[in-house]
Amino acid sequence: MKILISHLTGNANVKAAASGLLRADMLGGFYVSMATFPDSLSGRLAELKPLAELRRRSFHPAFKPFVRTWPWFELGRILALKSGLYQRTQNPFDIDRVVQNFDRHVAARLSAEASKGINAVYGYEDTIGFSFREAKRLGMTCLYDLPIGYWRAAHQVFEAEKERWPAWAPTLTGLADPAEKLARKDEELRMADQIFVASSFTARTLEAFPGTLAPVEVIPYGFPPVNTAKPEGHRPGTGRPLQLLFVGSLSQRKGIANLFEAVEKIGPRHVELTLVGQKTTSDCPALEAALERHRWFPSMPHADILTLMRQSDVLVFPSLFEGFGLVITEAMSQGTPVITTDRTIGPDVIRHGENGWLIQAGATEALIEAIEELLIKPESMAEAGREAILTAAARPWERYGQELAAAIQTMWAAETKRC
């Protein structure tokens, strides 16, 4: 079986998936908008400060024979973002337009790729509809990756949050997706021959789909390389407040209203909160007021975020709707334990009270109790941090790629046997 994998940017989980396919001799093509390689001119250009964005598009040389690029609209989007023109109405480089243009390009190439022996397409939510339609016409298998929970289940959660936290409703931007976009998501799911998700929670959200779906396989992502050089954590009797860290978009989808309320009730004498993340809207007075009371960084280089994780006592990630939550695995890999909810990857990788803590999503009192328990038993953080590192070391990104390739091989063997 030879698989073409398609993704606009080729982020960490996409590269890990492609690596697994490559090692299993299943990778037939790897379509991304832009790519640089260390031994190429583009790789050298990426070292120039004005072209730093290219560093994020760096790929291992082993991918070079498989990578195909279509950079033009993505370059336009990047330039529009840097110039401040991105927010204009009718922006031709809106992310949805860029993604759809890229998908059309991949779809147009499928016939030629099929003639070279590629017989399956692996794509991601809201980015692969045109390619799947063409793949169906050509008799190719459609493999679908759903990185976040299903949209109908999300809307149920968000509507409830609007009632519960009306002041934070402007941050729930997922409710503003146009009907055309939502219909596109459903069509992709209907065309899929196999669906892959990264958490048990994401799999459960698909129960809200109004119809029959292909089989769903849960394969959690991997952890980054571990770092055991964590500074001395919170110690009783020092008088230093507990250092809490949140990393993620500043939306009630991430449970930030619950987090702010919990921190306010516990009090600044006991806890200090640092946040790293972009606002989802500039029209939420409740968010603006909360940020004034805490340390906030709109953005930060990834290496600096990892350093900040090591310097913090605990990562608090009270998300209400999350397909995975990469910041959870990143913090654990740095020896920083995590408090998170039952609507993230948490239940799949965290053993409550051993390598982290799990709480019910949306339960502010449960969050307060979890934080106060750490204030009472601060030694539990160091113990959980050590266990978190062991958990991370046991599941590197390579393991995710291996399990994904093995699952596809099993599916293909069963399909072949039926035929």
Protein backbone atom coordinates (compact mmCIF):
# COMPACT_ATOMS: atom_id res chain seq x y z
CA MET A 1 0.00 0.00 0.00
CA LYS A 2 1.28 3.45 -0.93
CA ILE A 3 -0.19 6.51 0.74
CA LEU A 4 -0.21 10.18 -0.15
CA ILE A 5 -0.40 12.39 2.94
CA SER A 6 -1.62 15.97 2.59
CA HIS A 7 -1.39 18.88 5.03
CA LEU A 8 -0.92 22.62 4.53
CA THR A 9 1.89 23.14 7.06
CA GLY A 10 3.18 19.70 8.01
CA ASN A 11 3.17 20.15 11.78
CA ALA A 12 4.66 17.81 14.40
CA ASN A 13 1.95 15.13 14.38
CA VAL A 14 1.81 15.17 10.55
CA LYS A 15 5.58 14.69 10.31
CA ALA A 16 5.38 11.85 12.82
CA ALA A 17 2.63 10.19 10.77
CA ALA A 18 4.67 10.56 7.59
CA SER A 19 7.75 9.17 9.35
CA GLY A 20 5.83 6.10 10.41
CA LEU A 21 4.62 5.53 6.86
CA LEU A 22 8.13 6.07 5.50
CA ARG A 23 9.66 3.51 7.87
CA ALA A 24 6.96 1.02 6.90
CA ASP A 25 7.67 1.64 3.19
CA MET A 26 4.11 2.97 2.77
CA LEU A 27 4.78 6.63 1.99
CA GLY A 28 4.09 7.46 -1.64
CA GLY A 29 3.85 11.25 -1.49
CA PHE A 30 3.91 14.09 1.04
CA TYR A 31 2.11 17.27 -0.06
CA VAL A 32 2.69 20.47 1.95
CA SER A 33 2.48 24.12 1.00
CA MET A 34 6.12 24.92 1.81
CA ALA A 35 9.19 22.89 2.77
CA THR A 36 12.84 23.53 3.50
CA PHE A 37 15.67 21.05 3.95
CA PRO A 38 18.92 21.56 5.87
CA ASP A 39 21.10 20.79 2.83
CA SER A 40 19.24 23.09 0.41
CA LEU A 41 19.22 26.77 -0.55
CA SER A 42 15.85 27.18 1.16
CA GLY A 43 17.34 25.78 4.35
CA ARG A 44 20.15 28.32 4.25
CA LEU A 45 17.71 31.14 3.52
CA ALA A 46 15.69 30.10 6.57
CA GLU A 47 18.65 31.15 8.73
CA LEU A 48 18.04 34.79 7.73
CA LYS A 49 15.98 36.64 10.32
CA PRO A 50 13.38 38.06 7.85
CA LEU A 51 12.72 34.51 6.63
CA ALA A 52 12.49 32.90 10.07
CA GLU A 53 9.02 31.54 9.21
CA LEU A 54 10.73 29.05 6.89
CA ARG A 55 12.39 27.37 9.87
CA ARG A 56 9.00 26.08 10.95
CA ARG A 57 8.69 24.40 7.53
CA SER A 58 11.92 22.41 7.88
CA PHE A 59 11.77 18.69 7.04
CA HIS A 60 14.14 15.79 7.49
CA PRO A 61 16.16 15.06 4.32
CA ALA A 62 14.62 11.56 4.16
CA PHE A 63 11.35 13.20 3.06
CA LYS A 64 12.92 15.00 0.11
CA PRO A 65 12.02 12.42 -2.59
CA PHE A 66 8.38 12.46 -1.46
CA VAL A 67 7.66 16.12 -0.72
CA ARG A 68 5.64 18.18 -3.21
CA THR A 69 4.91 21.84 -2.50
CA TRP A 70 2.37 24.47 -3.55
CA PRO A 71 3.51 27.61 -1.68
CA TRP A 72 1.90 30.57 -3.43
CA PHE A 73 -1.30 31.13 -1.48
CA GLU A 74 0.36 30.21 1.81
CA LEU A 75 3.09 32.78 1.14
CA GLY A 76 0.35 35.32 0.49
CA ARG A 77 -1.30 34.44 3.81
CA ILE A 78 1.98 34.86 5.71
CA LEU A 79 2.67 38.22 4.06
CA ALA A 80 -0.89 39.38 4.79
CA LEU A 81 -0.46 38.45 8.46
CA LYS A 82 2.83 40.31 8.73
CA SER A 83 1.51 43.40 6.94
CA GLY A 84 -1.66 43.66 9.02
CA LEU A 85 -3.93 43.14 6.00
CA TYR A 86 -5.18 39.73 7.09
CA GLN A 87 -8.24 41.03 8.94
CA ARG A 88 -9.66 42.84 5.92
CA THR A 89 -13.02 41.65 4.63
CA GLN A 90 -12.85 39.57 1.45
CA ASN A 91 -9.25 38.70 2.23
CA PRO A 92 -8.07 36.38 -0.60
CA PHE A 93 -5.56 34.85 1.81
CA ASP A 94 -8.00 33.90 4.55
CA ILE A 95 -6.90 30.54 6.01
CA ASP A 96 -10.00 28.73 4.72
CA ARG A 97 -9.42 30.01 1.18
CA VAL A 98 -5.74 29.05 1.35
CA VAL A 99 -6.55 25.55 2.59
CA GLN A 100 -9.21 24.97 -0.07
CA ASN A 101 -6.88 26.18 -2.81
CA PHE A 102 -4.19 23.80 -1.60
CA ASP A 103 -6.66 20.92 -1.45
CA ARG A 104 -7.78 21.60 -5.03
CA HIS A 105 -4.15 21.46 -6.14
CA VAL A 106 -3.62 18.09 -4.45
CA ALA A 107 -6.86 16.75 -5.95
CA ALA A 108 -5.70 17.77 -9.42
CA ARG A 109 -2.51 15.73 -8.93
CA LEU A 110 -4.17 12.52 -7.72
CA SER A 111 -4.71 10.93 -11.11
CA ALA A 112 -1.00 11.23 -11.91
CA GLU A 113 -0.08 9.93 -8.45
CA ALA A 114 -2.43 6.97 -8.83
CA SER A 115 -0.69 6.03 -12.05
CA LYS A 116 2.55 5.77 -10.04
CA GLY A 117 1.01 3.23 -7.66
CA ILE A 118 -0.40 5.42 -4.88
CA ASN A 119 -3.69 3.88 -3.76
CA ALA A 120 -4.66 5.84 -0.63
CA VAL A 121 -4.95 9.44 0.56
CA TYR A 122 -4.40 10.48 4.20
CA GLY A 123 -5.86 13.87 5.08
CA TYR A 124 -7.02 16.07 7.94
CA GLU A 125 -10.30 17.66 8.99
CA ASP A 126 -11.60 20.51 6.85
CA THR A 127 -8.63 20.31 4.47
CA ILE A 128 -9.21 17.27 2.28
CA GLY A 129 -12.71 17.35 0.75
CA PHE A 130 -11.70 17.94 -2.88
CA SER A 131 -8.96 15.31 -2.66
CA PHE A 132 -11.31 12.74 -1.13
CA ARG A 133 -13.89 13.30 -3.89
CA GLU A 134 -11.25 12.73 -6.54
CA ALA A 135 -9.85 9.76 -4.63
CA LYS A 136 -13.28 8.15 -4.58
CA ARG A 137 -13.58 8.64 -8.35
CA LEU A 138 -10.20 6.95 -8.81
CA GLY A 139 -10.99 4.06 -6.44
CA MET A 140 -8.44 5.14 -3.85
CA THR A 141 -8.84 4.58 -0.08
CA CYS A 142 -9.61 7.67 2.04
CA LEU A 143 -7.92 7.83 5.45
CA TYR A 144 -9.18 10.65 7.66
CA ASP A 145 -7.53 12.26 10.67
CA LEU A 146 -9.77 14.19 13.08
CA PRO A 147 -7.39 16.25 15.26
CA ILE A 148 -10.10 17.82 17.44
CA GLY A 149 -13.53 16.69 18.58
CA TYR A 150 -16.49 16.58 16.19
CA TRP A 151 -18.14 19.96 15.60
CA ARG A 152 -21.71 19.02 16.58
CA ALA A 153 -20.51 17.83 19.98
CA ALA A 154 -18.47 21.03 20.29
CA HIS A 155 -21.51 23.20 19.61
CA GLN A 156 -23.44 21.43 22.36
CA VAL A 157 -20.67 22.28 24.83
CA PHE A 158 -20.26 25.87 23.59
CA GLU A 159 -23.97 26.65 23.74
CA ALA A 160 -24.05 25.48 27.34
CA GLU A 161 -21.02 27.65 28.12
CA LYS A 162 -22.75 30.71 26.63
CA GLU A 163 -25.51 30.23 29.18
CA ARG A 164 -23.13 29.53 32.05
CA TRP A 165 -20.56 32.26 31.29
CA PRO A 166 -22.29 34.91 29.11
CA ALA A 167 -19.48 37.42 29.64
CA TRP A 168 -17.06 34.97 28.01
CA ALA A 169 -19.29 34.05 25.05
CA PRO A 170 -17.32 36.25 22.58
CA THR A 171 -14.32 33.94 23.00
CA LEU A 172 -16.30 30.93 21.69
CA THR A 173 -15.50 31.66 18.06
CA GLY A 174 -16.19 28.08 16.96
CA LEU A 175 -19.90 28.89 17.00
CA ALA A 176 -19.36 31.38 14.16
CA ASP A 177 -18.25 28.80 11.55
CA PRO A 178 -20.38 29.14 8.39
CA ALA A 179 -22.80 26.38 7.44
CA GLU A 180 -20.78 25.64 4.30
CA LYS A 181 -17.69 24.87 6.37
CA LEU A 182 -19.62 22.59 8.73
CA ALA A 183 -21.18 20.74 5.82
CA ARG A 184 -17.71 20.24 4.37
CA LYS A 185 -16.55 18.64 7.60
CA ASP A 186 -19.49 16.21 7.50
CA GLU A 187 -18.88 15.32 3.87
CA GLU A 188 -15.24 14.47 4.61
CA LEU A 189 -16.32 12.17 7.43
CA ARG A 190 -18.86 10.42 5.20
CA MET A 191 -16.22 9.78 2.53
CA ALA A 192 -13.65 8.35 4.97
CA ASP A 193 -12.90 4.64 4.81
CA GLN A 194 -11.08 4.77 8.15
CA ILE A 195 -10.99 7.50 10.81
CA PHE A 196 -8.04 8.14 13.12
CA VAL A 197 -8.22 10.22 16.30
CA ALA A 198 -5.64 11.00 18.98
CA SER A 199 -7.77 10.62 22.10
CA SER A 200 -10.65 8.61 23.51
CA PHE A 201 -12.53 11.86 24.07
CA THR A 202 -12.37 12.74 20.36
CA ALA A 203 -13.69 9.29 19.51
CA ARG A 204 -16.65 9.77 21.86
CA THR A 205 -17.60 13.09 20.24
CA LEU A 206 -18.24 11.25 16.96
CA GLU A 207 -21.29 9.67 18.59
CA ALA A 208 -23.00 12.99 17.72
CA PHE A 209 -22.57 12.36 13.98
CA PRO A 210 -26.01 11.92 12.32
CA GLY A 211 -25.27 8.79 10.35
CA THR A 212 -23.01 5.78 9.96
CA LEU A 213 -19.26 6.28 10.06
CA ALA A 214 -16.24 4.23 9.08
CA PRO A 215 -14.33 2.47 11.89
CA VAL A 216 -12.62 4.83 14.35
CA GLU A 217 -9.12 4.08 15.68
CA VAL A 218 -7.63 5.87 18.70
CA ILE A 219 -3.86 6.36 18.46
CA PRO A 220 -2.47 8.96 20.89
CA TYR A 221 0.27 11.27 19.65
CA GLY A 222 3.78 10.91 20.98
CA PHE A 223 5.69 12.97 23.54
CA PRO A 224 8.61 15.30 22.79
CA PRO A 225 12.09 14.27 23.98
CA VAL A 226 12.25 14.34 27.76
CA ASN A 227 14.26 16.89 29.74
CA THR A 228 15.19 15.91 33.27
CA ALA A 229 16.89 19.21 34.14
CA LYS A 230 13.89 20.67 35.95
CA PRO A 231 14.66 23.29 38.63
CA GLU A 232 13.73 22.67 42.24
CA GLY A 233 9.94 22.87 42.48
CA HIS A 234 7.64 24.38 45.06
CA ARG A 235 8.87 23.81 48.59
CA PRO A 236 6.84 24.20 51.76
CA GLY A 237 7.79 27.00 54.12
CA THR A 238 9.52 29.18 51.50
CA GLY A 239 6.67 31.66 51.28
CA ARG A 240 6.71 31.48 47.50
CA PRO A 241 3.27 31.17 45.88
CA LEU A 242 2.54 28.10 43.78
CA GLN A 243 3.55 28.86 40.18
CA LEU A 244 0.68 27.95 37.82
CA LEU A 245 1.10 28.02 34.04
CA PHE A 246 -1.52 28.00 31.29
CA VAL A 247 -0.55 27.68 27.61
CA GLY A 248 -3.18 27.89 24.88
CA SER A 249 -5.62 30.17 23.14
CA LEU A 250 -7.50 32.47 25.51
CA SER A 251 -10.96 31.03 24.97
CA GLN A 252 -13.60 29.51 27.19
CA ARG A 253 -13.19 26.41 25.04
CA LYS A 254 -9.99 26.04 27.08
CA GLY A 255 -11.84 26.70 30.35
CA ILE A 256 -10.05 29.97 31.11
CA ALA A 257 -13.08 31.48 32.89
CA ASN A 258 -12.97 28.54 35.31
CA LEU A 259 -9.23 28.99 35.72
CA PHE A 260 -9.45 32.72 36.47
CA GLU A 261 -12.24 32.15 38.98
CA ALA A 262 -10.32 29.38 40.72
CA VAL A 263 -7.17 31.51 41.04
CA GLU A 264 -9.16 34.49 42.32
CA LYS A 265 -10.83 32.36 45.02
CA ILE A 266 -7.56 30.79 46.18
CA GLY A 267 -5.88 34.20 46.25
CA PRO A 268 -2.57 35.75 45.09
CA ARG A 269 -0.87 34.99 48.41
CA HIS A 270 -1.02 31.28 47.55
CA VAL A 271 -0.83 31.08 43.74
CA GLU A 272 0.63 33.05 40.81
CA LEU A 273 -0.73 32.49 37.32
CA THR A 274 1.21 32.95 34.08
CA LEU A 275 -0.55 32.65 30.73
CA VAL A 276 0.90 32.20 27.24
CA GLY A 277 -1.55 32.44 24.38
CA GLN A 278 -3.35 34.58 21.84
CA LYS A 279 -6.75 36.15 22.38
CA THR A 280 -9.47 34.69 20.17
CA THR A 281 -11.24 38.06 20.17
CA SER A 282 -10.55 41.66 21.12
CA ASP A 283 -14.17 42.11 22.20
CA CYS A 284 -14.33 40.42 25.61
CA PRO A 285 -14.12 42.87 28.55
CA ALA A 286 -14.10 39.99 31.05
CA LEU A 287 -10.93 38.60 29.45
CA GLU A 288 -9.24 42.00 29.31
CA ALA A 289 -9.94 42.59 33.01
CA ALA A 290 -8.65 39.14 33.99
CA LEU A 291 -5.42 39.53 32.03
CA GLU A 292 -4.66 42.78 33.85
CA ARG A 293 -4.38 40.80 37.09
CA HIS A 294 -1.93 38.17 35.86
CA ARG A 295 1.30 37.76 33.92
CA TRP A 296 0.44 37.27 30.24
CA PHE A 297 2.54 36.67 27.10
CA PRO A 298 0.60 36.75 23.80
CA SER A 299 3.27 34.58 22.19
CA MET A 300 6.65 33.08 22.93
CA PRO A 301 9.21 30.98 21.00
CA HIS A 302 8.60 27.30 21.54
CA ALA A 303 11.95 26.72 23.24
CA ASP A 304 11.13 29.49 25.72
CA ILE A 305 7.74 27.92 26.45
CA LEU A 306 9.49 24.65 27.34
CA THR A 307 11.83 26.58 29.63
CA LEU A 308 8.85 28.30 31.27
CA MET A 309 7.21 24.91 31.77
CA ARG A 310 10.29 23.66 33.62
CA GLN A 311 10.27 26.77 35.81
CA SER A 312 6.60 26.34 36.73
CA ASP A 313 5.24 24.06 39.42
CA VAL A 314 2.27 22.77 37.46
CA LEU A 315 0.59 23.28 34.10
CA VAL A 316 -3.15 23.90 34.46
CA PHE A 317 -5.10 23.05 31.31
CA PRO A 318 -8.84 22.97 32.17
CA SER A 319 -10.05 22.59 28.59
CA LEU A 320 -13.73 21.88 27.93
CA PHE A 321 -13.25 20.52 24.42
CA GLU A 322 -9.89 19.31 23.16
CA GLY A 323 -8.87 16.75 20.58
CA PHE A 324 -5.58 16.13 22.33
CA GLY A 325 -3.76 19.04 24.01
CA LEU A 326 -0.12 18.99 22.92
CA VAL A 327 0.83 21.31 25.78
CA ILE A 328 -0.06 18.45 28.16
CA THR A 329 2.52 16.10 26.68
CA GLU A 330 5.05 18.92 26.30
CA ALA A 331 4.81 19.83 30.00
CA MET A 332 5.03 16.20 31.08
CA SER A 333 8.14 15.73 28.95
CA GLN A 334 9.75 18.60 30.89
CA GLY A 335 8.94 17.05 34.26
CA THR A 336 6.11 19.48 34.96
CA PRO A 337 2.93 17.70 36.11
CA VAL A 338 -0.43 18.69 34.69
CA ILE A 339 -3.92 19.33 36.00
CA THR A 340 -6.33 18.75 33.13
CA THR A 341 -9.85 17.57 32.39
CA ASP A 342 -11.63 14.48 31.13
CA ARG A 343 -12.10 16.15 27.73
CA THR A 344 -8.46 16.08 26.66
CA ILE A 345 -5.81 13.41 26.12
CA GLY A 346 -5.52 13.41 29.93
CA PRO A 347 -7.50 10.21 30.64
CA ASP A 348 -5.38 8.34 28.05
CA VAL A 349 -1.97 9.28 29.52
CA ILE A 350 -2.51 10.55 33.08
CA ARG A 351 -3.01 8.33 36.12
CA HIS A 352 -4.76 10.60 38.63
CA GLY A 353 -2.55 11.40 41.60
CA GLU A 354 0.46 9.58 40.14
CA ASN A 355 1.77 11.46 37.08
CA GLY A 356 -0.80 14.29 37.08
CA TRP A 357 -4.37 15.09 38.06
CA LEU A 358 -7.70 14.76 36.26
CA ILE A 359 -10.80 16.82 36.99
CA GLN A 360 -14.26 17.09 35.50
CA ALA A 361 -14.42 19.64 32.65
CA GLY A 362 -16.15 22.87 33.63
CA ALA A 363 -16.06 22.11 37.37
CA THR A 364 -14.45 25.15 38.98
CA GLU A 365 -14.71 23.69 42.48
CA ALA A 366 -12.90 20.54 41.37
CA LEU A 367 -10.11 22.72 39.94
CA ILE A 368 -9.86 24.65 43.20
CA GLU A 369 -9.67 21.42 45.18
CA ALA A 370 -6.90 20.06 42.93
CA ILE A 371 -4.80 23.21 43.33
CA GLU A 372 -5.39 23.40 47.09
CA GLU A 373 -4.32 19.77 47.44
CA LEU A 374 -0.95 20.74 45.95
CA LEU A 375 -0.65 23.58 48.44
CA ILE A 376 -1.25 21.10 51.26
CA LYS A 377 1.02 18.39 49.79
CA PRO A 378 3.64 20.23 47.68
CA GLU A 379 5.92 17.17 47.65
CA SER A 380 3.37 15.44 45.40
CA MET A 381 4.36 17.72 42.50
CA ALA A 382 7.95 16.49 42.38
CA GLU A 383 6.77 12.89 42.58
CA ALA A 384 4.22 13.43 39.80
CA GLY A 385 6.85 15.25 37.71
CA ARG A 386 9.18 12.27 37.86
CA GLU A 387 6.36 9.92 36.88
CA ALA A 388 5.37 12.29 34.06
CA ILE A 389 8.89 12.04 32.60
CA LEU A 390 8.71 8.23 32.71
CA THR A 391 5.36 8.36 30.91
CA ALA A 392 6.80 10.67 28.24
CA ALA A 393 9.92 8.59 27.73
CA ALA A 394 7.81 5.48 27.12
CA ARG A 395 5.91 7.05 24.23
CA PRO A 396 8.13 9.09 21.86
CA TRP A 397 6.75 10.44 18.59
CA GLU A 398 8.24 7.45 16.77
CA ARG A 399 5.87 5.12 18.57
CA TYR A 400 2.86 7.08 17.32
CA GLY A 401 4.09 6.77 13.74
CA GLN A 402 4.72 3.04 14.15
CA GLU A 403 1.26 2.40 15.60
CA LEU A 404 -0.42 4.45 12.88
CA ALA A 405 1.38 2.56 10.10
CA ALA A 406 0.55 -0.77 11.75
CA ALA A 407 -3.14 0.16 12.07
CA ILE A 408 -3.32 1.10 8.39
CA GLN A 409 -1.60 -2.14 7.40
CA THR A 410 -4.13 -4.13 9.44
CA MET A 411 -7.02 -2.23 7.85
CA TRP A 412 -5.59 -2.76 4.35
CA ALA A 413 -5.07 -6.48 4.94
CA ALA A 414 -8.69 -6.84 6.06
CA GLU A 415 -9.93 -4.90 3.03
CA THR A 416 -7.81 -6.99 0.69
CA LYS A 417 -9.10 -10.20 2.25
CA ARG A 418 -12.72 -9.09 1.81
CA CYS A 419 -12.10 -8.30 -1.82
